[in-house]
C-alpha atoms as a PDB file:
ATOM      1  CA  MET A   1       2.662  -7.566 -18.706  1.00  0.00           C
ATOM      2  CA  SER A   2      -0.780  -6.223 -18.828  1.00  0.00           C
ATOM      3  CA  LEU A   3      -1.177  -2.631 -17.660  1.00  0.00           C
ATOM      4  CA  CYS A   4      -3.090  -2.089 -14.504  1.00  0.00           C
ATOM      5  CA  LEU A   5      -2.740   1.503 -13.387  1.00  0.00           C
ATOM      6  CA  GLN A   6      -2.036   4.696 -15.617  1.00  0.00           C
ATOM      7  CA  ALA A   7      -1.319   8.270 -15.213  1.00  0.00           C
ATOM      8  CA  ARG A   8      -1.218  10.816 -18.108  1.00  0.00           C
ATOM      9  CA  GLN A   9       0.082  14.380 -17.812  1.00  0.00           C
ATOM     10  CA  LEU A  10      -0.313  14.118 -14.081  1.00  0.00           C
ATOM     11  CA  ALA A  11       0.402  17.629 -11.974  1.00  0.00           C
ATOM     12  CA  CYS A  12      -0.147  18.650  -8.453  1.00  0.00           C
ATOM     13  CA  GLU A  13       0.509  22.187  -7.092  1.00  0.00           C
ATOM     14  CA  ARG A  14       0.743  22.637  -3.287  1.00  0.00           C
ATOM     15  CA  ASP A  15       1.509  26.238  -1.455  1.00  0.00           C
ATOM     16  CA  ASP A  16       1.863  27.918  -5.020  1.00  0.00           C
ATOM     17  CA  ARG A  17       4.549  25.254  -5.834  1.00  0.00           C
ATOM     18  CA  TRP A  18       4.395  22.380  -8.497  1.00  0.00           C
ATOM     19  CA  LEU A  19       5.089  19.036  -6.996  1.00  0.00           C
ATOM     20  CA  PHE A  20       5.172  17.367 -10.020  1.00  0.00           C
ATOM     21  CA  GLU A  21       3.789  18.060 -13.524  1.00  0.00           C
ATOM     22  CA  GLY A  22       3.342  16.558 -16.783  1.00  0.00           C
ATOM     23  CA  LEU A  23       3.847  12.961 -15.144  1.00  0.00           C
ATOM     24  CA  ASP A  24       3.058   9.724 -17.309  1.00  0.00           C
ATOM     25  CA  LEU A  25       3.110   6.750 -15.422  1.00  0.00           C
ATOM     26  CA  ASP A  26       2.237   3.029 -16.355  1.00  0.00           C
ATOM     27  CA  ILE A  27       2.002   0.432 -13.661  1.00  0.00           C
ATOM     28  CA  HIS A  28       1.998  -3.419 -14.914  1.00  0.00           C
ATOM     29  CA  ARG A  29       0.657  -6.390 -13.362  1.00  0.00           C
ATOM     30  CA  GLY A  30       3.812  -8.115 -12.083  1.00  0.00           C
ATOM     31  CA  GLU A  31       5.929  -5.477 -10.780  1.00  0.00           C
ATOM     32  CA  ILE A  32       6.877  -3.496  -8.193  1.00  0.00           C
ATOM     33  CA  VAL A  33       7.177   0.227  -8.869  1.00  0.00           C
ATOM     34  CA  ARG A  34       9.295   2.017  -6.047  1.00  0.00           C
ATOM     35  CA  ILE A  35       8.453   6.168  -6.386  1.00  0.00           C
ATOM     36  CA  GLU A  36      11.575   8.007  -5.332  1.00  0.00           C
ATOM     37  CA  GLY A  37      12.503  11.388  -4.502  1.00  0.00           C
ATOM     38  CA  PRO A  38      13.760  13.738  -1.885  1.00  0.00           C
ATOM     39  CA  ASN A  39      11.600  15.053   0.968  1.00  0.00           C
ATOM     40  CA  GLY A  40       8.838  17.289  -0.382  1.00  0.00           C
ATOM     41  CA  SER A  41       8.985  15.964  -3.904  1.00  0.00           C
ATOM     42  CA  GLY A  42       5.299  14.720  -3.755  1.00  0.00           C
ATOM     43  CA  LYS A  43       5.735  10.759  -2.880  1.00  0.00           C
ATOM     44  CA  THR A  44       2.764  10.452  -0.467  1.00  0.00           C
ATOM     45  CA  THR A  45       0.648  13.175  -2.422  1.00  0.00           C
ATOM     46  CA  LEU A  46       1.112  11.076  -5.725  1.00  0.00           C
ATOM     47  CA  LEU A  47       0.158   7.936  -3.559  1.00  0.00           C
ATOM     48  CA  LYS A  48      -3.081   9.193  -2.372  1.00  0.00           C
ATOM     49  CA  ILE A  49      -3.935  10.477  -5.820  1.00  0.00           C
ATOM     50  CA  LEU A  50      -3.321   7.169  -7.444  1.00  0.00           C
ATOM     51  CA  SER A  51      -5.239   5.574  -4.618  1.00  0.00           C
ATOM     52  CA  GLY A  52      -8.321   7.957  -5.354  1.00  0.00           C
ATOM     53  CA  GLN A  53      -7.915   9.802  -1.978  1.00  0.00           C
ATOM     54  CA  LEU A  54      -7.049  13.151  -3.357  1.00  0.00           C
ATOM     55  CA  SER A  55      -9.051  15.042  -6.323  1.00  0.00           C
ATOM     56  CA  ASP A  56      -7.220  18.408  -6.382  1.00  0.00           C
ATOM     57  CA  TYR A  57      -4.877  17.418  -9.432  1.00  0.00           C
ATOM     58  CA  HIS A  58      -4.799  17.798 -13.248  1.00  0.00           C
ATOM     59  CA  GLY A  59      -4.350  14.896 -15.671  1.00  0.00           C
ATOM     60  CA  ASP A  60      -5.987  11.758 -16.161  1.00  0.00           C
ATOM     61  CA  ILE A  61      -5.977   8.270 -14.343  1.00  0.00           C
ATOM     62  CA  TYR A  62      -6.882   5.176 -15.860  1.00  0.00           C
ATOM     63  CA  TRP A  63      -7.559   1.417 -14.378  1.00  0.00           C
ATOM     64  CA  ASN A  64      -7.305  -1.279 -16.777  1.00  0.00           C
ATOM     65  CA  GLY A  65      -7.631   1.125 -19.595  1.00  0.00           C
ATOM     66  CA  ASP A  66     -10.633   2.788 -18.321  1.00  0.00           C
ATOM     67  CA  SER A  67     -11.023   6.249 -16.898  1.00  0.00           C
ATOM     68  CA  MET A  68     -10.989   6.176 -13.284  1.00  0.00           C
ATOM     69  CA  ARG A  69     -13.921   8.183 -13.263  1.00  0.00           C
ATOM     70  CA  GLU A  70     -16.031   5.776 -14.676  1.00  0.00           C
ATOM     71  CA  VAL A  71     -14.627   2.798 -12.839  1.00  0.00           C
ATOM     72  CA  ARG A  72     -13.985   4.166  -9.245  1.00  0.00           C
ATOM     73  CA  GLU A  73     -15.965   1.613  -7.564  1.00  0.00           C
ATOM     74  CA  HIS A  74     -14.108  -1.334  -9.367  1.00  0.00           C
ATOM     75  CA  PHE A  75     -10.791   0.037  -8.929  1.00  0.00           C
ATOM     76  CA  LEU A  76     -11.597   0.828  -5.080  1.00  0.00           C
ATOM     77  CA  ALA A  77     -12.730  -3.010  -4.738  1.00  0.00           C
ATOM     78  CA  ASN A  78      -8.847  -4.145  -6.192  1.00  0.00           C
ATOM     79  CA  LEU A  79      -6.980  -1.524  -4.170  1.00  0.00           C
ATOM     80  CA  LEU A  80      -5.143  -2.226  -0.564  1.00  0.00           C
ATOM     81  CA  TYR A  81      -3.720   0.975   0.728  1.00  0.00           C
ATOM     82  CA  LEU A  82      -1.527   1.346   3.780  1.00  0.00           C
ATOM     83  CA  GLY A  83      -0.626   4.708   4.531  1.00  0.00           C
ATOM     84  CA  HIS A  84       2.551   6.006   6.463  1.00  0.00           C
ATOM     85  CA  ALA A  85       0.806   5.825   9.943  1.00  0.00           C
ATOM     86  CA  PRO A  86      -0.385   2.237  10.671  1.00  0.00           C
ATOM     87  CA  GLY A  87      -3.973   3.015  11.009  1.00  0.00           C
ATOM     88  CA  VAL A  88      -4.494   1.021  14.256  1.00  0.00           C
ATOM     89  CA  LYS A  89      -7.181   1.643  16.645  1.00  0.00           C
ATOM     90  CA  ALA A  90      -5.169   1.766  20.180  1.00  0.00           C
ATOM     91  CA  GLY A  91      -8.391   0.562  22.098  1.00  0.00           C
ATOM     92  CA  LEU A  92      -8.934  -2.748  19.985  1.00  0.00           C
ATOM     93  CA  THR A  93      -6.839  -5.651  20.038  1.00  0.00           C
ATOM     94  CA  PRO A  94      -4.855  -7.045  16.802  1.00  0.00           C
ATOM     95  CA  LEU A  95      -7.569  -9.314  16.046  1.00  0.00           C
ATOM     96  CA  GLU A  96     -10.306  -6.662  16.855  1.00  0.00           C
ATOM     97  CA  ASN A  97      -8.471  -4.426  14.265  1.00  0.00           C
ATOM     98  CA  LEU A  98      -8.320  -6.942  11.587  1.00  0.00           C
ATOM     99  CA  THR A  99     -12.196  -7.544  11.864  1.00  0.00           C
ATOM    100  CA  TRP A 100     -12.722  -3.859  11.670  1.00  0.00           C
ATOM    101  CA  TYR A 101     -10.416  -3.648   8.572  1.00  0.00           C
ATOM    102  CA  GLN A 102     -12.417  -6.603   6.898  1.00  0.00           C
ATOM    103  CA  ALA A 103     -15.722  -5.218   7.788  1.00  0.00           C
ATOM    104  CA  LEU A 104     -14.913  -1.819   6.205  1.00  0.00           C
ATOM    105  CA  SER A 105     -13.783  -3.310   3.137  1.00  0.00           C
ATOM    106  CA  GLY A 106     -16.703  -5.252   2.791  1.00  0.00           C
ATOM    107  CA  ASP A 107     -14.283  -8.848   3.110  1.00  0.00           C
ATOM    108  CA  GLN A 108     -15.751 -11.832   5.003  1.00  0.00           C
ATOM    109  CA  GLY A 109     -13.496 -13.512   7.162  1.00  0.00           C
ATOM    110  CA  ASN A 110     -13.181 -15.506  10.643  1.00  0.00           C
ATOM    111  CA  ASP A 111     -10.970 -15.355  13.642  1.00  0.00           C
ATOM    112  CA  CYS A 112      -9.034 -18.390  12.412  1.00  0.00           C
ATOM    113  CA  GLN A 113      -7.973 -16.404   9.006  1.00  0.00           C
ATOM    114  CA  ARG A 114      -7.157 -13.470  10.996  1.00  0.00           C
ATOM    115  CA  GLU A 115      -5.097 -15.433  13.680  1.00  0.00           C
ATOM    116  CA  GLU A 116      -3.020 -16.802  10.727  1.00  0.00           C
ATOM    117  CA  ALA A 117      -2.530 -13.471   9.176  1.00  0.00           C
ATOM    118  CA  LEU A 118      -1.274 -12.172  12.739  1.00  0.00           C
ATOM    119  CA  ALA A 119       0.963 -15.551  12.925  1.00  0.00           C
ATOM    120  CA  GLN A 120       2.621 -14.775   9.761  1.00  0.00           C
ATOM    121  CA  VAL A 121       3.560 -11.187  10.695  1.00  0.00           C
ATOM    122  CA  GLY A 122       4.808 -12.587  14.098  1.00  0.00           C
ATOM    123  CA  LEU A 123       2.367 -11.520  16.534  1.00  0.00           C
ATOM    124  CA  SER A 124       0.874 -15.094  17.810  1.00  0.00           C
ATOM    125  CA  GLY A 125       0.546 -14.293  21.701  1.00  0.00           C
ATOM    126  CA  PHE A 126      -0.658 -10.993  20.808  1.00  0.00           C
ATOM    127  CA  GLU A 127      -3.838 -11.274  19.520  1.00  0.00           C
ATOM    128  CA  ASP A 128      -5.891 -10.065  22.344  1.00  0.00           C
ATOM    129  CA  VAL A 129      -3.535  -7.325  23.622  1.00  0.00           C
ATOM    130  CA  PRO A 130      -4.696  -3.814  23.283  1.00  0.00           C
ATOM    131  CA  ALA A 131      -3.069  -2.171  20.204  1.00  0.00           C
ATOM    132  CA  GLY A 132      -2.197   0.683  22.240  1.00  0.00           C
ATOM    133  CA  GLN A 133       0.309  -1.529  24.526  1.00  0.00           C
ATOM    134  CA  LEU A 134       2.076  -2.717  21.363  1.00  0.00           C
ATOM    135  CA  SER A 135       5.184  -1.314  20.041  1.00  0.00           C
ATOM    136  CA  ALA A 136       5.473   0.586  16.912  1.00  0.00           C
ATOM    137  CA  GLY A 137       6.932  -2.182  15.156  1.00  0.00           C
ATOM    138  CA  GLN A 138       4.024  -4.361  16.342  1.00  0.00           C
ATOM    139  CA  GLN A 139       1.446  -1.908  15.344  1.00  0.00           C
ATOM    140  CA  ARG A 140       2.820  -1.756  11.924  1.00  0.00           C
ATOM    141  CA  ARG A 141       2.804  -5.682  11.797  1.00  0.00           C
ATOM    142  CA  VAL A 142      -0.920  -5.579  12.698  1.00  0.00           C
ATOM    143  CA  ALA A 143      -1.480  -3.295   9.695  1.00  0.00           C
ATOM    144  CA  LEU A 144       0.538  -5.358   7.437  1.00  0.00           C
ATOM    145  CA  ALA A 145      -1.296  -8.279   8.219  1.00  0.00           C
ATOM    146  CA  ARG A 146      -3.886  -6.921   6.049  1.00  0.00           C
ATOM    147  CA  LEU A 147      -1.539  -8.019   2.988  1.00  0.00           C
ATOM    148  CA  THR A 148      -2.051 -11.828   3.818  1.00  0.00           C
ATOM    149  CA  LEU A 149      -5.841 -11.277   4.821  1.00  0.00           C
ATOM    150  CA  THR A 150      -7.171  -8.869   2.159  1.00  0.00           C
ATOM    151  CA  GLN A 151      -6.970 -10.128  -1.548  1.00  0.00           C
ATOM    152  CA  ARG A 152      -6.373  -7.292  -3.792  1.00  0.00           C
ATOM    153  CA  ALA A 153      -4.686  -6.828  -7.121  1.00  0.00           C
ATOM    154  CA  LEU A 154      -3.087  -3.403  -6.551  1.00  0.00           C
ATOM    155  CA  TRP A 155      -1.181  -2.518  -3.227  1.00  0.00           C
ATOM    156  CA  VAL A 156      -0.435   1.004  -2.541  1.00  0.00           C
ATOM    157  CA  LEU A 157       2.126   0.993   0.464  1.00  0.00           C
ATOM    158  CA  ASP A 158       3.391   4.471   2.041  1.00  0.00           C
ATOM    159  CA  GLU A 159       6.774   3.795   4.349  1.00  0.00           C
ATOM    160  CA  PRO A 160       5.643   0.099   4.795  1.00  0.00           C
ATOM    161  CA  PHE A 161       9.010  -0.944   6.241  1.00  0.00           C
ATOM    162  CA  THR A 162       8.906   1.793   8.978  1.00  0.00           C
ATOM    163  CA  ALA A 163       9.697   0.478  12.590  1.00  0.00           C
ATOM    164  CA  ILE A 164       9.745  -2.971  11.843  1.00  0.00           C
ATOM    165  CA  ASP A 165      13.048  -5.014  12.368  1.00  0.00           C
ATOM    166  CA  ARG A 166      15.390  -6.810  10.076  1.00  0.00           C
ATOM    167  CA  HIS A 167      13.368 -10.227   9.785  1.00  0.00           C
ATOM    168  CA  GLY A 168      10.128  -8.225   9.394  1.00  0.00           C
ATOM    169  CA  VAL A 169      11.906  -6.270   6.568  1.00  0.00           C
ATOM    170  CA  ALA A 170      13.082  -9.560   4.797  1.00  0.00           C
ATOM    171  CA  ALA A 171       9.545 -11.131   4.959  1.00  0.00           C
ATOM    172  CA  LEU A 172       7.855  -8.083   3.702  1.00  0.00           C
ATOM    173  CA  GLU A 173      10.301  -8.046   0.764  1.00  0.00           C
ATOM    174  CA  ALA A 174       9.361 -11.447   0.018  1.00  0.00           C
ATOM    175  CA  GLN A 175       5.910 -10.753   0.173  1.00  0.00           C
ATOM    176  CA  LEU A 176       5.882  -8.050  -2.113  1.00  0.00           C
ATOM    177  CA  VAL A 177       7.800  -9.943  -4.562  1.00  0.00           C
ATOM    178  CA  ALA A 178       5.551 -12.883  -4.064  1.00  0.00           C
ATOM    179  CA  HIS A 179       2.266 -10.475  -4.911  1.00  0.00           C
ATOM    180  CA  ALA A 180       4.034  -9.187  -8.126  1.00  0.00           C
ATOM    181  CA  ASN A 181       5.096 -12.819  -9.405  1.00  0.00           C
ATOM    182  CA  ALA A 182       1.456 -14.191  -8.655  1.00  0.00           C
ATOM    183  CA  GLY A 183       0.300 -11.184 -10.961  1.00  0.00           C
ATOM    184  CA  GLY A 184      -0.323  -8.569  -8.585  1.00  0.00           C
ATOM    185  CA  CYS A 185       1.259  -5.073  -8.684  1.00  0.00           C
ATOM    186  CA  VAL A 186       2.482  -2.905  -5.890  1.00  0.00           C
ATOM    187  CA  LEU A 187       3.220   0.859  -5.647  1.00  0.00           C
ATOM    188  CA  VAL A 188       5.666   1.843  -2.897  1.00  0.00           C
ATOM    189  CA  THR A 189       7.558   4.458  -1.353  1.00  0.00           C
ATOM    190  CA  THR A 190      10.157   3.687   1.100  1.00  0.00           C
ATOM    191  CA  HIS A 191      13.477   4.940   2.767  1.00  0.00           C
ATOM    192  CA  HIS A 192      14.674   1.298   2.890  1.00  0.00           C
ATOM    193  CA  GLU A 193      16.661   0.212   0.145  1.00  0.00           C
ATOM    194  CA  LEU A 194      14.714  -2.668  -1.837  1.00  0.00           C
ATOM    195  CA  ALA A 195      16.592  -5.886  -3.053  1.00  0.00           C
ATOM    196  CA  GLU A 196      17.168  -5.497  -6.555  1.00  0.00           C
ATOM    197  CA  SER A 197      14.781  -7.770  -8.420  1.00  0.00           C
ATOM    198  CA  PRO A 198      13.425  -8.435 -12.029  1.00  0.00           C
ATOM    199  CA  VAL A 199      10.169  -7.374 -10.899  1.00  0.00           C
ATOM    200  CA  LEU A 200      11.402  -3.946  -9.372  1.00  0.00           C
ATOM    201  CA  ARG A 201      11.312  -0.747 -11.321  1.00  0.00           C
ATOM    202  CA  ARG A 202      12.150   2.853 -10.009  1.00  0.00           C
ATOM    203  CA  VAL A 203      10.324   6.016 -10.614  1.00  0.00           C
ATOM    204  CA  GLN A 204      12.147   9.430  -9.809  1.00  0.00           C
ATOM    205  CA  LEU A 205      10.114  12.646  -8.594  1.00  0.00           C
ATOM    206  CA  GLY A 206      11.958  15.878  -8.128  1.00  0.00           C
END
């Protein structure tokens, strides 16, 4: 497997306390890396650093062997980040939310593709319902539809299983494995116990 994302001697301090220091991390294409650790160990902070959202850290990060400082735009063009909150605009419908996501990321698409993505996450019939009227699980599914709609090599997912039902959990697990098997890479935090898989690797913080 070829290297995708690397961190060397990564360290981050918050409120006069080191969340982690001296962290070396290799993420390869074709694998799912689950970041584990107790609450407060820095899992979300680590994901935000590795996805380029936080710059307050020590150490070096590399994308495909090149310093992140030199290839940031190329890295962002290959990144799909889903945070702990679904990031869905309540005043927009699921279809409009996906249109907005695609416009932000510079992706082209059409309503047929977006409707198909919503169907795959179980939201057929809810395409034109304002997201504010949807349940927490349905709003999460709107965000997860981006995994089908947007082609990115690296998925960085912070608690993606929150608020979705057992069927949705199984479908998402299968999707993560399929992405890894297709040569993508997944970096994830979750309280859900992922099923053991040849593509799954665990990294412990704290």
